[in-house]
């Protein structure tokens, strides 16, 4: 039986294949793929954490993110 670490490694490898398919075969922009993954991740956190934990986590993300110029659309 696989350990949690082995399961995570396999899931990451499968996700990398899926992302490559989206970018290469479906010709999605890499930043659009990143936006899809970020939105999906945020939704999972929102569902799994209580409201206070979710807000604190999102605040931490915002506080530790370098912003691009406001007039540039990134996805």
Protein backbone atom coordinates (compact mmCIF):
# COMPACT_ATOMS: atom_id res chain seq x y z
CA UNK A 1 0.00 0.00 0.00
CA UNK A 2 1.24 3.47 -0.88
CA UNK A 3 2.24 5.92 1.83
CA UNK A 4 0.63 9.38 1.94
CA UNK A 5 3.84 10.80 0.48
CA UNK A 6 3.75 8.31 -2.42
CA UNK A 7 0.07 9.09 -3.07
CA UNK A 8 0.85 12.81 -3.12
CA UNK A 9 3.77 12.29 -5.52
CA UNK A 10 1.57 10.26 -7.88
CA UNK A 11 -1.20 12.85 -7.74
CA UNK A 12 1.31 15.62 -8.51
CA UNK A 13 2.68 13.69 -11.49
CA UNK A 14 -0.84 13.11 -12.82
CA UNK A 15 -1.68 16.79 -12.38
CA UNK A 16 1.48 17.83 -14.25
CA UNK A 17 0.40 15.63 -17.20
CA UNK A 18 -3.06 17.21 -17.15
CA UNK A 19 -1.60 20.73 -17.04
CA UNK A 20 0.73 19.94 -19.94
CA UNK A 21 -2.28 18.70 -21.92
CA UNK A 22 -4.19 21.91 -21.22
CA UNK A 23 -1.27 24.09 -22.31
CA UNK A 24 0.06 22.06 -25.25
CA UNK A 25 -2.92 20.21 -26.69
CA UNK A 26 -5.77 22.57 -25.78
CA UNK A 27 -3.58 25.66 -26.17
CA UNK A 28 -4.71 27.30 -22.95
CA UNK A 29 -2.46 30.08 -21.73
CA UNK A 30 -0.30 29.04 -18.75
CA UNK A 31 -1.60 31.96 -16.68
CA UNK A 32 -5.19 30.93 -17.41
CA UNK A 33 -4.36 27.42 -16.19
CA UNK A 34 -2.79 28.92 -13.06
CA UNK A 35 -5.97 30.95 -12.49
CA UNK A 36 -8.11 27.81 -12.81
CA UNK A 37 -5.91 25.96 -10.31
CA UNK A 38 -5.85 28.90 -7.89
CA UNK A 39 -9.63 29.32 -8.00
CA UNK A 40 -10.13 25.60 -7.48
CA UNK A 41 -7.67 25.54 -4.58
CA UNK A 42 -9.35 28.52 -2.95
CA UNK A 43 -12.73 26.81 -3.18
CA UNK A 44 -11.36 23.65 -1.56
CA UNK A 45 -9.86 25.69 1.29
CA UNK A 46 -13.14 27.56 1.71
CA UNK A 47 -15.08 24.31 2.02
CA UNK A 48 -12.59 22.53 4.31
CA UNK A 49 -11.61 25.37 6.68
CA UNK A 50 -13.85 27.26 9.03
CA UNK A 51 -14.56 30.86 8.04
CA UNK A 52 -11.92 32.41 10.33
CA UNK A 53 -9.20 29.99 9.17
CA UNK A 54 -10.10 30.62 5.54
CA UNK A 55 -10.02 34.41 5.93
CA UNK A 56 -6.67 34.28 7.76
CA UNK A 57 -5.21 32.00 5.09
CA UNK A 58 -6.39 34.25 2.26
CA UNK A 59 -5.08 37.35 4.05
CA UNK A 60 -1.72 35.64 4.38
CA UNK A 61 -1.68 34.87 0.66
CA UNK A 62 -2.47 38.50 -0.21
CA UNK A 63 0.11 39.86 2.24
CA UNK A 64 2.83 37.63 0.78
CA UNK A 65 2.11 38.19 -2.90
CA UNK A 66 3.98 40.58 -5.16
CA UNK A 67 1.50 42.41 -7.36
CA UNK A 68 1.81 43.13 -11.07
CA UNK A 69 0.90 46.56 -12.41
CA UNK A 70 -2.84 47.22 -12.07
CA UNK A 71 -3.35 47.83 -15.79
CA UNK A 72 -2.00 44.41 -16.79
CA UNK A 73 -4.41 41.48 -17.07
CA UNK A 74 -2.54 38.34 -16.11
CA UNK A 75 -4.91 35.69 -17.45
